[in-house]
PDB file of N, CA and C in Angstrom:
ATOM      1  N   MET A   1       4.900 -11.335   2.085  1.00  0.00           N
ATOM      2  CA  MET A   1       6.213 -10.783   2.360  1.00  0.00           C
ATOM      3  C   MET A   1       6.246 -10.080   3.719  1.00  0.00           C
ATOM      4  N   CYS A   2       5.135  -9.482   4.101  1.00  0.00           N
ATOM      5  CA  CYS A   2       5.123  -8.745   5.378  1.00  0.00           C
ATOM      6  C   CYS A   2       5.207  -9.680   6.577  1.00  0.00           C
ATOM      7  N   ASN A   3       4.943 -10.967   6.374  1.00  0.00           N
ATOM      8  CA  ASN A   3       4.971 -11.915   7.488  1.00  0.00           C
ATOM      9  C   ASN A   3       6.089 -12.932   7.373  1.00  0.00           C
ATOM     10  N   ALA A   4       7.007 -12.736   6.437  1.00  0.00           N
ATOM     11  CA  ALA A   4       8.093 -13.690   6.246  1.00  0.00           C
ATOM     12  C   ALA A   4       9.129 -13.560   7.365  1.00  0.00           C
ATOM     13  N   ASP A   5       9.711 -14.689   7.711  1.00  0.00           N
ATOM     14  CA  ASP A   5      10.783 -14.719   8.700  1.00  0.00           C
ATOM     15  C   ASP A   5      12.109 -14.738   7.945  1.00  0.00           C
ATOM     16  N   PHE A   6      12.861 -13.654   8.014  1.00  0.00           N
ATOM     17  CA  PHE A   6      14.110 -13.539   7.279  1.00  0.00           C
ATOM     18  C   PHE A   6      15.321 -13.968   8.104  1.00  0.00           C
ATOM     19  N   GLY A   7      15.109 -14.347   9.338  1.00  0.00           N
ATOM     20  CA  GLY A   7      16.194 -14.837  10.184  1.00  0.00           C
ATOM     21  C   GLY A   7      17.309 -13.821  10.336  1.00  0.00           C
ATOM     22  N   SER A   8      18.537 -14.259  10.123  1.00  0.00           N
ATOM     23  CA  SER A   8      19.691 -13.379  10.315  1.00  0.00           C
ATOM     24  C   SER A   8      19.850 -12.370   9.174  1.00  0.00           C
ATOM     25  N   VAL A   9      19.186 -12.584   8.057  1.00  0.00           N
ATOM     26  CA  VAL A   9      19.284 -11.641   6.936  1.00  0.00           C
ATOM     27  C   VAL A   9      18.733 -10.277   7.341  1.00  0.00           C
ATOM     28  N   GLY A  10      17.688 -10.265   8.148  1.00  0.00           N
ATOM     29  CA  GLY A  10      17.097  -9.009   8.596  1.00  0.00           C
ATOM     30  C   GLY A  10      18.010  -8.178   9.485  1.00  0.00           C
ATOM     31  N   LYS A  11      19.044  -8.791  10.011  1.00  0.00           N
ATOM     32  CA  LYS A  11      19.980  -8.075  10.880  1.00  0.00           C
ATOM     33  C   LYS A  11      21.250  -7.667  10.142  1.00  0.00           C
ATOM     34  N   SER A  12      21.233  -7.774   8.828  1.00  0.00           N
ATOM     35  CA  SER A  12      22.396  -7.423   8.013  1.00  0.00           C
ATOM     36  C   SER A  12      22.698  -5.933   8.112  1.00  0.00           C
ATOM     37  N   HIS A  13      23.954  -5.569   7.928  1.00  0.00           N
ATOM     38  CA  HIS A  13      24.357  -4.159   7.972  1.00  0.00           C
ATOM     39  C   HIS A  13      23.821  -3.391   6.763  1.00  0.00           C
ATOM     40  N   LEU A  14      23.332  -4.084   5.749  1.00  0.00           N
ATOM     41  CA  LEU A  14      22.803  -3.420   4.552  1.00  0.00           C
ATOM     42  C   LEU A  14      21.441  -2.781   4.794  1.00  0.00           C
ATOM     43  N   PHE A  15      20.724  -3.230   5.824  1.00  0.00           N
ATOM     44  CA  PHE A  15      19.409  -2.688   6.133  1.00  0.00           C
ATOM     45  C   PHE A  15      19.553  -1.546   7.129  1.00  0.00           C
ATOM     46  N   PHE A  16      19.236  -0.347   6.684  1.00  0.00           N
ATOM     47  CA  PHE A  16      19.339   0.831   7.542  1.00  0.00           C
ATOM     48  C   PHE A  16      18.106   0.935   8.426  1.00  0.00           C
ATOM     49  N   PRO A  17      18.186   1.722   9.511  1.00  0.00           N
ATOM     50  CA  PRO A  17      17.012   1.912  10.362  1.00  0.00           C
ATOM     51  C   PRO A  17      15.872   2.529   9.549  1.00  0.00           C
ATOM     52  N   GLY A  18      14.707   1.959   9.658  1.00  0.00           N
ATOM     53  CA  GLY A  18      13.565   2.448   8.908  1.00  0.00           C
ATOM     54  C   GLY A  18      13.357   1.754   7.570  1.00  0.00           C
ATOM     55  N   PHE A  19      14.238   0.807   7.237  1.00  0.00           N
ATOM     56  CA  PHE A  19      14.116   0.075   5.979  1.00  0.00           C
ATOM     57  C   PHE A  19      12.775  -0.651   5.915  1.00  0.00           C
ATOM     58  N   ASP A  20      12.354  -1.214   7.034  1.00  0.00           N
ATOM     59  CA  ASP A  20      11.075  -1.928   7.115  1.00  0.00           C
ATOM     60  C   ASP A  20       9.909  -1.004   6.758  1.00  0.00           C
ATOM     61  N   LYS A  21       9.961   0.228   7.228  1.00  0.00           N
ATOM     62  CA  LYS A  21       8.880   1.183   6.939  1.00  0.00           C
ATOM     63  C   LYS A  21       8.850   1.542   5.458  1.00  0.00           C
ATOM     64  N   LEU A  22      10.030   1.673   4.868  1.00  0.00           N
ATOM     65  CA  LEU A  22      10.128   1.966   3.441  1.00  0.00           C
ATOM     66  C   LEU A  22       9.540   0.815   2.613  1.00  0.00           C
ATOM     67  N   VAL A  23       9.805  -0.398   3.028  1.00  0.00           N
ATOM     68  CA  VAL A  23       9.272  -1.570   2.337  1.00  0.00           C
ATOM     69  C   VAL A  23       7.753  -1.609   2.456  1.00  0.00           C
ATOM     70  N   HIS A  24       7.234  -1.353   3.656  1.00  0.00           N
ATOM     71  CA  HIS A  24       5.778  -1.319   3.841  1.00  0.00           C
ATOM     72  C   HIS A  24       5.148  -0.275   2.924  1.00  0.00           C
ATOM     73  N   CYS A  25       5.717   0.901   2.898  1.00  0.00           N
ATOM     74  CA  CYS A  25       5.203   1.985   2.067  1.00  0.00           C
ATOM     75  C   CYS A  25       5.218   1.579   0.587  1.00  0.00           C
ATOM     76  N   GLY A  26       6.315   0.993   0.147  1.00  0.00           N
ATOM     77  CA  GLY A  26       6.437   0.571  -1.244  1.00  0.00           C
ATOM     78  C   GLY A  26       5.460  -0.533  -1.616  1.00  0.00           C
ATOM     79  N   PHE A  27       5.293  -1.514  -0.734  1.00  0.00           N
ATOM     80  CA  PHE A  27       4.346  -2.603  -0.995  1.00  0.00           C
ATOM     81  C   PHE A  27       2.935  -2.065  -1.165  1.00  0.00           C
ATOM     82  N   PHE A  28       2.534  -1.183  -0.274  1.00  0.00           N
ATOM     83  CA  PHE A  28       1.161  -0.697  -0.324  1.00  0.00           C
ATOM     84  C   PHE A  28       0.955   0.310  -1.449  1.00  0.00           C
ATOM     85  N   PHE A  29       1.998   1.038  -1.811  1.00  0.00           N
ATOM     86  CA  PHE A  29       1.924   1.895  -2.988  1.00  0.00           C
ATOM     87  C   PHE A  29       1.632   1.028  -4.215  1.00  0.00           C
ATOM     88  N   MET A  30       2.406  -0.026  -4.399  1.00  0.00           N
ATOM     89  CA  MET A  30       2.224  -0.888  -5.565  1.00  0.00           C
ATOM     90  C   MET A  30       0.885  -1.616  -5.526  1.00  0.00           C
ATOM     91  N   MET A  31       0.442  -2.040  -4.358  1.00  0.00           N
ATOM     92  CA  MET A  31      -0.833  -2.740  -4.268  1.00  0.00           C
ATOM     93  C   MET A  31      -1.982  -1.848  -4.715  1.00  0.00           C
ATOM     94  N   VAL A  32      -1.992  -0.590  -4.272  1.00  0.00           N
ATOM     95  CA  VAL A  32      -3.067   0.324  -4.655  1.00  0.00           C
ATOM     96  C   VAL A  32      -2.962   0.687  -6.129  1.00  0.00           C
ATOM     97  N   VAL A  33      -1.754   0.917  -6.627  1.00  0.00           N
ATOM     98  CA  VAL A  33      -1.587   1.234  -8.056  1.00  0.00           C
ATOM     99  C   VAL A  33      -2.092   0.076  -8.914  1.00  0.00           C
ATOM    100  N   LEU A  34      -1.725  -1.142  -8.566  1.00  0.00           N
ATOM    101  CA  LEU A  34      -2.169  -2.295  -9.352  1.00  0.00           C
ATOM    102  C   LEU A  34      -3.670  -2.537  -9.208  1.00  0.00           C
ATOM    103  N   SER A  35      -4.226  -2.286  -8.031  1.00  0.00           N
ATOM    104  CA  SER A  35      -5.674  -2.414  -7.846  1.00  0.00           C
ATOM    105  C   SER A  35      -6.414  -1.386  -8.688  1.00  0.00           C
ATOM    106  N   CYS A  36      -5.933  -0.165  -8.684  1.00  0.00           N
ATOM    107  CA  CYS A  36      -6.549   0.878  -9.511  1.00  0.00           C
ATOM    108  C   CYS A  36      -6.387   0.563 -10.990  1.00  0.00           C
ATOM    109  N   ASN A  37      -5.243   0.004 -11.366  1.00  0.00           N
ATOM    110  CA  ASN A  37      -5.030  -0.393 -12.755  1.00  0.00           C
ATOM    111  C   ASN A  37      -6.071  -1.418 -13.181  1.00  0.00           C
ATOM    112  N   GLY A  38      -6.325  -2.392 -12.337  1.00  0.00           N
ATOM    113  CA  GLY A  38      -7.353  -3.389 -12.634  1.00  0.00           C
ATOM    114  C   GLY A  38      -8.729  -2.765 -12.747  1.00  0.00           C
ATOM    115  N   TYR A  39      -9.046  -1.855 -11.834  1.00  0.00           N
ATOM    116  CA  TYR A  39     -10.345  -1.184 -11.877  1.00  0.00           C
ATOM    117  C   TYR A  39     -10.482  -0.349 -13.151  1.00  0.00           C
ATOM    118  N   ILE A  40      -9.436   0.383 -13.499  1.00  0.00           N
ATOM    119  CA  ILE A  40      -9.481   1.234 -14.692  1.00  0.00           C
ATOM    120  C   ILE A  40      -9.588   0.381 -15.951  1.00  0.00           C
ATOM    121  N   ARG A  41      -8.868  -0.719 -16.019  1.00  0.00           N
ATOM    122  CA  ARG A  41      -8.948  -1.589 -17.193  1.00  0.00           C
ATOM    123  C   ARG A  41     -10.340  -2.191 -17.336  1.00  0.00           C
ATOM    124  N   LYS A  42     -10.981  -2.473 -16.224  1.00  0.00           N
ATOM    125  CA  LYS A  42     -12.311  -3.068 -16.275  1.00  0.00           C
ATOM    126  C   LYS A  42     -13.380  -2.026 -16.592  1.00  0.00           C
ATOM    127  N   ASN A  43     -13.282  -0.840 -15.997  1.00  0.00           N
ATOM    128  CA  ASN A  43     -14.357   0.145 -16.087  1.00  0.00           C
ATOM    129  C   ASN A  43     -14.018   1.389 -16.889  1.00  0.00           C
ATOM    130  N   GLY A  44     -12.779   1.570 -17.281  1.00  0.00           N
ATOM    131  CA  GLY A  44     -12.377   2.770 -18.011  1.00  0.00           C
ATOM    132  C   GLY A  44     -11.870   3.841 -17.060  1.00  0.00           C
ATOM    133  N   ALA A  45     -10.900   4.631 -17.544  1.00  0.00           N
ATOM    134  CA  ALA A  45     -10.266   5.652 -16.695  1.00  0.00           C
ATOM    135  C   ALA A  45     -11.253   6.726 -16.272  1.00  0.00           C
ATOM    136  N   GLY A  46     -12.278   6.967 -17.076  1.00  0.00           N
ATOM    137  CA  GLY A  46     -13.256   7.997 -16.733  1.00  0.00           C
ATOM    138  C   GLY A  46     -14.167   7.614 -15.590  1.00  0.00           C
ATOM    139  N   ASN A  47     -14.107   6.349 -15.151  1.00  0.00           N
ATOM    140  CA  ASN A  47     -14.996   5.871 -14.095  1.00  0.00           C
ATOM    141  C   ASN A  47     -14.329   5.769 -12.727  1.00  0.00           C
ATOM    142  N   LEU A  48     -13.083   6.212 -12.615  1.00  0.00           N
ATOM    143  CA  LEU A  48     -12.417   6.178 -11.310  1.00  0.00           C
ATOM    144  C   LEU A  48     -12.726   7.486 -10.582  1.00  0.00           C
ATOM    145  N   TRP A  49     -13.839   7.495  -9.919  1.00  0.00           N
ATOM    146  CA  TRP A  49     -14.263   8.667  -9.165  1.00  0.00           C
ATOM    147  C   TRP A  49     -13.856   8.502  -7.715  1.00  0.00           C
ATOM    148  N   PHE A  50     -14.367   9.385  -6.880  1.00  0.00           N
ATOM    149  CA  PHE A  50     -14.005   9.396  -5.461  1.00  0.00           C
ATOM    150  C   PHE A  50     -14.379   8.091  -4.769  1.00  0.00           C
ATOM    151  N   LYS A  51     -15.579   7.595  -5.022  1.00  0.00           N
ATOM    152  CA  LYS A  51     -16.045   6.411  -4.288  1.00  0.00           C
ATOM    153  C   LYS A  51     -15.170   5.175  -4.521  1.00  0.00           C
ATOM    154  N   PRO A  52     -14.916   4.764  -5.780  1.00  0.00           N
ATOM    155  CA  PRO A  52     -14.048   3.589  -5.931  1.00  0.00           C
ATOM    156  C   PRO A  52     -12.621   3.836  -5.449  1.00  0.00           C
ATOM    157  N   ALA A  53     -12.116   5.046  -5.614  1.00  0.00           N
ATOM    158  CA  ALA A  53     -10.775   5.361  -5.122  1.00  0.00           C
ATOM    159  C   ALA A  53     -10.737   5.249  -3.602  1.00  0.00           C
ATOM    160  N   PHE A  54     -11.776   5.748  -2.942  1.00  0.00           N
ATOM    161  CA  PHE A  54     -11.865   5.671  -1.487  1.00  0.00           C
ATOM    162  C   PHE A  54     -11.957   4.219  -1.028  1.00  0.00           C
ATOM    163  N   VAL A  55     -12.762   3.424  -1.717  1.00  0.00           N
ATOM    164  CA  VAL A  55     -12.933   2.019  -1.332  1.00  0.00           C
ATOM    165  C   VAL A  55     -11.623   1.244  -1.497  1.00  0.00           C
ATOM    166  N   ILE A  56     -10.924   1.460  -2.605  1.00  0.00           N
ATOM    167  CA  ILE A  56      -9.643   0.775  -2.822  1.00  0.00           C
ATOM    168  C   ILE A  56      -8.644   1.160  -1.735  1.00  0.00           C
ATOM    169  N   THR A  57      -8.585   2.443  -1.408  1.00  0.00           N
ATOM    170  CA  THR A  57      -7.656   2.905  -0.378  1.00  0.00           C
ATOM    171  C   THR A  57      -8.033   2.355   0.995  1.00  0.00           C
ATOM    172  N   LEU A  58      -9.312   2.399   1.318  1.00  0.00           N
ATOM    173  CA  LEU A  58      -9.771   1.887   2.604  1.00  0.00           C
ATOM    174  C   LEU A  58      -9.487   0.388   2.739  1.00  0.00           C
ATOM    175  N   LEU A  59      -9.733  -0.377   1.681  1.00  0.00           N
ATOM    176  CA  LEU A  59      -9.448  -1.813   1.734  1.00  0.00           C
ATOM    177  C   LEU A  59      -7.960  -2.080   1.924  1.00  0.00           C
ATOM    178  N   ALA A  60      -7.116  -1.277   1.287  1.00  0.00           N
ATOM    179  CA  ALA A  60      -5.666  -1.447   1.460  1.00  0.00           C
ATOM    180  C   ALA A  60      -5.261  -1.162   2.906  1.00  0.00           C
ATOM    181  N   ILE A  61      -5.817  -0.120   3.491  1.00  0.00           N
ATOM    182  CA  ILE A  61      -5.479   0.221   4.877  1.00  0.00           C
ATOM    183  C   ILE A  61      -5.988  -0.854   5.830  1.00  0.00           C
ATOM    184  N   LEU A  62      -7.190  -1.370   5.590  1.00  0.00           N
ATOM    185  CA  LEU A  62      -7.714  -2.455   6.424  1.00  0.00           C
ATOM    186  C   LEU A  62      -6.861  -3.715   6.290  1.00  0.00           C
ATOM    187  N   TYR A  63      -6.403  -3.980   5.092  1.00  0.00           N
ATOM    188  CA  TYR A  63      -5.512  -5.118   4.866  1.00  0.00           C
ATOM    189  C   TYR A  63      -4.209  -4.936   5.663  1.00  0.00           C
ATOM    190  N   GLY A  64      -3.679  -3.716   5.665  1.00  0.00           N
ATOM    191  CA  GLY A  64      -2.482  -3.420   6.456  1.00  0.00           C
ATOM    192  C   GLY A  64      -2.726  -3.620   7.946  1.00  0.00           C
ATOM    193  N   ALA A  65      -3.912  -3.220   8.407  1.00  0.00           N
ATOM    194  CA  ALA A  65      -4.251  -3.402   9.823  1.00  0.00           C
ATOM    195  C   ALA A  65      -4.354  -4.885  10.173  1.00  0.00           C
ATOM    196  N   ILE A  66      -4.933  -5.671   9.271  1.00  0.00           N
ATOM    197  CA  ILE A  66      -5.035  -7.111   9.506  1.00  0.00           C
ATOM    198  C   ILE A  66      -3.642  -7.735   9.553  1.00  0.00           C
ATOM    199  N   ILE A  67      -2.764  -7.311   8.658  1.00  0.00           N
ATOM    200  CA  ILE A  67      -1.390  -7.823   8.674  1.00  0.00           C
ATOM    201  C   ILE A  67      -0.724  -7.506  10.011  1.00  0.00           C
ATOM    202  N   GLU A  68      -0.898  -6.288  10.506  1.00  0.00           N
ATOM    203  CA  GLU A  68      -0.279  -5.917  11.785  1.00  0.00           C
ATOM    204  C   GLU A  68      -0.861  -6.724  12.937  1.00  0.00           C
ATOM    205  N   LEU A  69      -2.167  -6.988  12.922  1.00  0.00           N
ATOM    206  CA  LEU A  69      -2.770  -7.819  13.964  1.00  0.00           C
ATOM    207  C   LEU A  69      -2.242  -9.248  13.887  1.00  0.00           C
ATOM    208  N   LEU A  70      -2.083  -9.760  12.676  1.00  0.00           N
ATOM    209  CA  LEU A  70      -1.502 -11.101  12.531  1.00  0.00           C
ATOM    210  C   LEU A  70      -0.068 -11.130  13.037  1.00  0.00           C
ATOM    211  N   GLN A  71       0.689 -10.087  12.751  1.00  0.00           N
ATOM    212  CA  GLN A  71       2.063 -10.029  13.242  1.00  0.00           C
ATOM    213  C   GLN A  71       2.102  -9.953  14.761  1.00  0.00           C
ATOM    214  N   LEU A  72       1.125  -9.306  15.351  1.00  0.00           N
ATOM    215  CA  LEU A  72       1.083  -9.157  16.800  1.00  0.00           C
ATOM    216  C   LEU A  72       0.715 -10.463  17.492  1.00  0.00           C
ATOM    217  N   TRP A  73      -0.262 -11.201  16.947  1.00  0.00           N
ATOM    218  CA  TRP A  73      -0.801 -12.352  17.659  1.00  0.00           C
ATOM    219  C   TRP A  73      -0.450 -13.709  17.069  1.00  0.00           C
ATOM    220  N   VAL A  74      -0.177 -13.801  15.779  1.00  0.00           N
ATOM    221  CA  VAL A  74       0.027 -15.106  15.157  1.00  0.00           C
ATOM    222  C   VAL A  74       1.493 -15.354  14.827  1.00  0.00           C
ATOM    223  N   PHE A  75       2.111 -14.449  14.096  1.00  0.00           N
ATOM    224  CA  PHE A  75       3.488 -14.629  13.661  1.00  0.00           C
ATOM    225  C   PHE A  75       4.422 -14.096  14.749  1.00  0.00           C
ATOM    226  N   THR A  76       4.854 -14.975  15.613  1.00  0.00           N
ATOM    227  CA  THR A  76       5.602 -14.555  16.801  1.00  0.00           C
ATOM    228  C   THR A  76       6.980 -13.995  16.470  1.00  0.00           C
ATOM    229  N   TRP A  77       7.509 -14.270  15.289  1.00  0.00           N
ATOM    230  CA  TRP A  77       8.820 -13.734  14.914  1.00  0.00           C
ATOM    231  C   TRP A  77       8.727 -12.306  14.407  1.00  0.00           C
ATOM    232  N   ARG A  78       7.528 -11.777  14.252  1.00  0.00           N
ATOM    233  CA  ARG A  78       7.316 -10.392  13.827  1.00  0.00           C
ATOM    234  C   ARG A  78       6.586  -9.653  14.942  1.00  0.00           C
ATOM    235  N   SER A  79       6.603  -8.333  14.881  1.00  0.00           N
ATOM    236  CA  SER A  79       5.877  -7.551  15.884  1.00  0.00           C
ATOM    237  C   SER A  79       4.943  -6.590  15.164  1.00  0.00           C
ATOM    238  N   GLY A  80       3.723  -6.495  15.659  1.00  0.00           N
ATOM    239  CA  GLY A  80       2.763  -5.548  15.105  1.00  0.00           C
ATOM    240  C   GLY A  80       3.092  -4.150  15.601  1.00  0.00           C
ATOM    241  N   GLU A  81       3.228  -3.202  14.685  1.00  0.00           N
ATOM    242  CA  GLU A  81       3.604  -1.839  15.065  1.00  0.00           C
ATOM    243  C   GLU A  81       2.681  -0.825  14.412  1.00  0.00           C
ATOM    244  N   TRP A  82       2.362   0.228  15.165  1.00  0.00           N
ATOM    245  CA  TRP A  82       1.576   1.331  14.623  1.00  0.00           C
ATOM    246  C   TRP A  82       2.334   2.030  13.494  1.00  0.00           C
ATOM    247  N   ASN A  83       3.656   2.104  13.630  1.00  0.00           N
ATOM    248  CA  ASN A  83       4.456   2.768  12.594  1.00  0.00           C
ATOM    249  C   ASN A  83       4.381   2.034  11.257  1.00  0.00           C
ATOM    250  N   ASP A  84       4.267   0.713  11.294  1.00  0.00           N
ATOM    251  CA  ASP A  84       4.105  -0.051  10.053  1.00  0.00           C
ATOM    252  C   ASP A  84       2.759   0.261   9.409  1.00  0.00           C
ATOM    253  N   LEU A  85       1.713   0.328  10.229  1.00  0.00           N
ATOM    254  CA  LEU A  85       0.397   0.671   9.695  1.00  0.00           C
ATOM    255  C   LEU A  85       0.395   2.085   9.126  1.00  0.00           C
ATOM    256  N   PHE A  86       1.103   2.988   9.776  1.00  0.00           N
ATOM    257  CA  PHE A  86       1.218   4.347   9.254  1.00  0.00           C
ATOM    258  C   PHE A  86       1.943   4.345   7.908  1.00  0.00           C
ATOM    259  N   ALA A  87       3.008   3.563   7.790  1.00  0.00           N
ATOM    260  CA  ALA A  87       3.738   3.470   6.521  1.00  0.00           C
ATOM    261  C   ALA A  87       2.858   2.861   5.429  1.00  0.00           C
ATOM    262  N   ASP A  88       2.035   1.872   5.796  1.00  0.00           N
ATOM    263  CA  ASP A  88       1.077   1.296   4.839  1.00  0.00           C
ATOM    264  C   ASP A  88       0.099   2.363   4.354  1.00  0.00           C
ATOM    265  N   THR A  89      -0.395   3.149   5.286  1.00  0.00           N
ATOM    266  CA  THR A  89      -1.363   4.202   4.957  1.00  0.00           C
ATOM    267  C   THR A  89      -0.728   5.274   4.082  1.00  0.00           C
ATOM    268  N   VAL A  90       0.507   5.649   4.375  1.00  0.00           N
ATOM    269  CA  VAL A  90       1.204   6.642   3.554  1.00  0.00           C
ATOM    270  C   VAL A  90       1.403   6.110   2.133  1.00  0.00           C
ATOM    271  N   GLY A  91       1.804   4.860   2.001  1.00  0.00           N
ATOM    272  CA  GLY A  91       1.983   4.260   0.682  1.00  0.00           C
ATOM    273  C   GLY A  91       0.685   4.222  -0.107  1.00  0.00           C
ATOM    274  N   ALA A  92      -0.410   3.835   0.562  1.00  0.00           N
ATOM    275  CA  ALA A  92      -1.710   3.800  -0.108  1.00  0.00           C
ATOM    276  C   ALA A  92      -2.153   5.209  -0.500  1.00  0.00           C
ATOM    277  N   GLY A  93      -1.935   6.173   0.381  1.00  0.00           N
ATOM    278  CA  GLY A  93      -2.305   7.558   0.081  1.00  0.00           C
ATOM    279  C   GLY A  93      -1.503   8.141  -1.067  1.00  0.00           C
ATOM    280  N   MET A  94      -0.206   7.865  -1.095  1.00  0.00           N
ATOM    281  CA  MET A  94       0.631   8.344  -2.200  1.00  0.00           C
ATOM    282  C   MET A  94       0.164   7.748  -3.522  1.00  0.00           C
ATOM    283  N   ALA A  95      -0.197   6.472  -3.493  1.00  0.00           N
ATOM    284  CA  ALA A  95      -0.622   5.800  -4.720  1.00  0.00           C
ATOM    285  C   ALA A  95      -1.937   6.366  -5.230  1.00  0.00           C
ATOM    286  N   ILE A  96      -2.920   6.523  -4.358  1.00  0.00           N
ATOM    287  CA  ILE A  96      -4.220   6.993  -4.825  1.00  0.00           C
ATOM    288  C   ILE A  96      -4.126   8.438  -5.292  1.00  0.00           C
ATOM    289  N   PHE A  97      -3.283   9.228  -4.634  1.00  0.00           N
ATOM    290  CA  PHE A  97      -3.064  10.603  -5.080  1.00  0.00           C
ATOM    291  C   PHE A  97      -2.475  10.627  -6.484  1.00  0.00           C
ATOM    292  N   SER A  98      -1.458   9.809  -6.706  1.00  0.00           N
ATOM    293  CA  SER A  98      -0.821   9.805  -8.030  1.00  0.00           C
ATOM    294  C   SER A  98      -1.762   9.274  -9.103  1.00  0.00           C
ATOM    295  N   ILE A  99      -2.574   8.278  -8.784  1.00  0.00           N
ATOM    296  CA  ILE A  99      -3.542   7.744  -9.752  1.00  0.00           C
ATOM    297  C   ILE A  99      -4.588   8.794 -10.093  1.00  0.00           C
ATOM    298  N   LEU A 100      -5.132   9.475  -9.072  1.00  0.00           N
ATOM    299  CA  LEU A 100      -6.165  10.480  -9.325  1.00  0.00           C
ATOM    300  C   LEU A 100      -5.605  11.662 -10.111  1.00  0.00           C
ATOM    301  N   VAL A 101      -4.391  12.076  -9.823  1.00  0.00           N
ATOM    302  CA  VAL A 101      -3.776  13.174 -10.576  1.00  0.00           C
ATOM    303  C   VAL A 101      -3.549  12.755 -12.023  1.00  0.00           C
ATOM    304  N   THR A 102      -3.062  11.546 -12.223  1.00  0.00           N
ATOM    305  CA  THR A 102      -2.786  11.069 -13.582  1.00  0.00           C
ATOM    306  C   THR A 102      -4.067  10.901 -14.387  1.00  0.00           C
ATOM    307  N   THR A 103      -5.087  10.260 -13.809  1.00  0.00           N
ATOM    308  CA  THR A 103      -6.335  10.089 -14.559  1.00  0.00           C
ATOM    309  C   THR A 103      -7.016  11.434 -14.808  1.00  0.00           C
ATOM    310  N   GLY A 104      -6.907  12.340 -13.840  1.00  0.00           N
ATOM    311  CA  GLY A 104      -7.465  13.684 -14.056  1.00  0.00           C
ATOM    312  C   GLY A 104      -6.761  14.426 -15.168  1.00  0.00           C
ATOM    313  N   ALA A 105      -5.459  14.300 -15.234  1.00  0.00           N
ATOM    314  CA  ALA A 105      -4.691  14.959 -16.302  1.00  0.00           C
ATOM    315  C   ALA A 105      -5.026  14.361 -17.662  1.00  0.00           C
ATOM    316  N   LEU A 106      -5.211  13.044 -17.706  1.00  0.00           N
ATOM    317  CA  LEU A 106      -5.568  12.411 -18.975  1.00  0.00           C
ATOM    318  C   LEU A 106      -6.957  12.809 -19.433  1.00  0.00           C
ATOM    319  N   LYS A 107      -7.896  12.966 -18.495  1.00  0.00           N
ATOM    320  CA  LYS A 107      -9.246  13.423 -18.859  1.00  0.00           C
ATOM    321  C   LYS A 107      -9.189  14.849 -19.386  1.00  0.00           C
ATOM    322  N   TYR A 108      -8.379  15.680 -18.752  1.00  0.00           N
ATOM    323  CA  TYR A 108      -8.264  17.077 -19.155  1.00  0.00           C
ATOM    324  C   TYR A 108      -7.617  17.180 -20.533  1.00  0.00           C
ATOM    325  N   GLU A 109      -6.659  16.299 -20.802  1.00  0.00           N
ATOM    326  CA  GLU A 109      -5.938  16.328 -22.077  1.00  0.00           C
ATOM    327  C   GLU A 109      -6.864  15.928 -23.238  1.00  0.00           C
ATOM    328  N   LYS A 110      -7.809  15.025 -22.981  1.00  0.00           N
ATOM    329  CA  LYS A 110      -8.710  14.537 -24.038  1.00  0.00           C
ATOM    330  C   LYS A 110      -9.744  15.585 -24.443  1.00  0.00           C
ATOM    331  N   LYS A 111     -10.017  16.552 -23.582  1.00  0.00           N
ATOM    332  CA  LYS A 111     -11.052  17.550 -23.874  1.00  0.00           C
ATOM    333  C   LYS A 111     -10.640  18.512 -24.921  1.00  0.00           C
TER     334      LYS A 111
END
């Protein structure tokens, strides 16, 4: 989705300034949440410590950087922007924060 060419749809009056950044943030929020969900289902909620959370977040940010490099050099209809990478990082950070808070609260509740 980050590399799709939307043509004239992207210039619609329905898209406000910064809509692209909001989409980037939302995509990466969901990607990290779903990645953590897979990890938790495989290993249990008690096993999501700092290291796997850090690795999932780092991989998401690297994936965002690769997307921006592809937009800069390969997909000529898109432009690679630092602000998009920042929005990706914010989305990933929001997701990992919410996952860690939720799993921590569930561990505390079970005690």
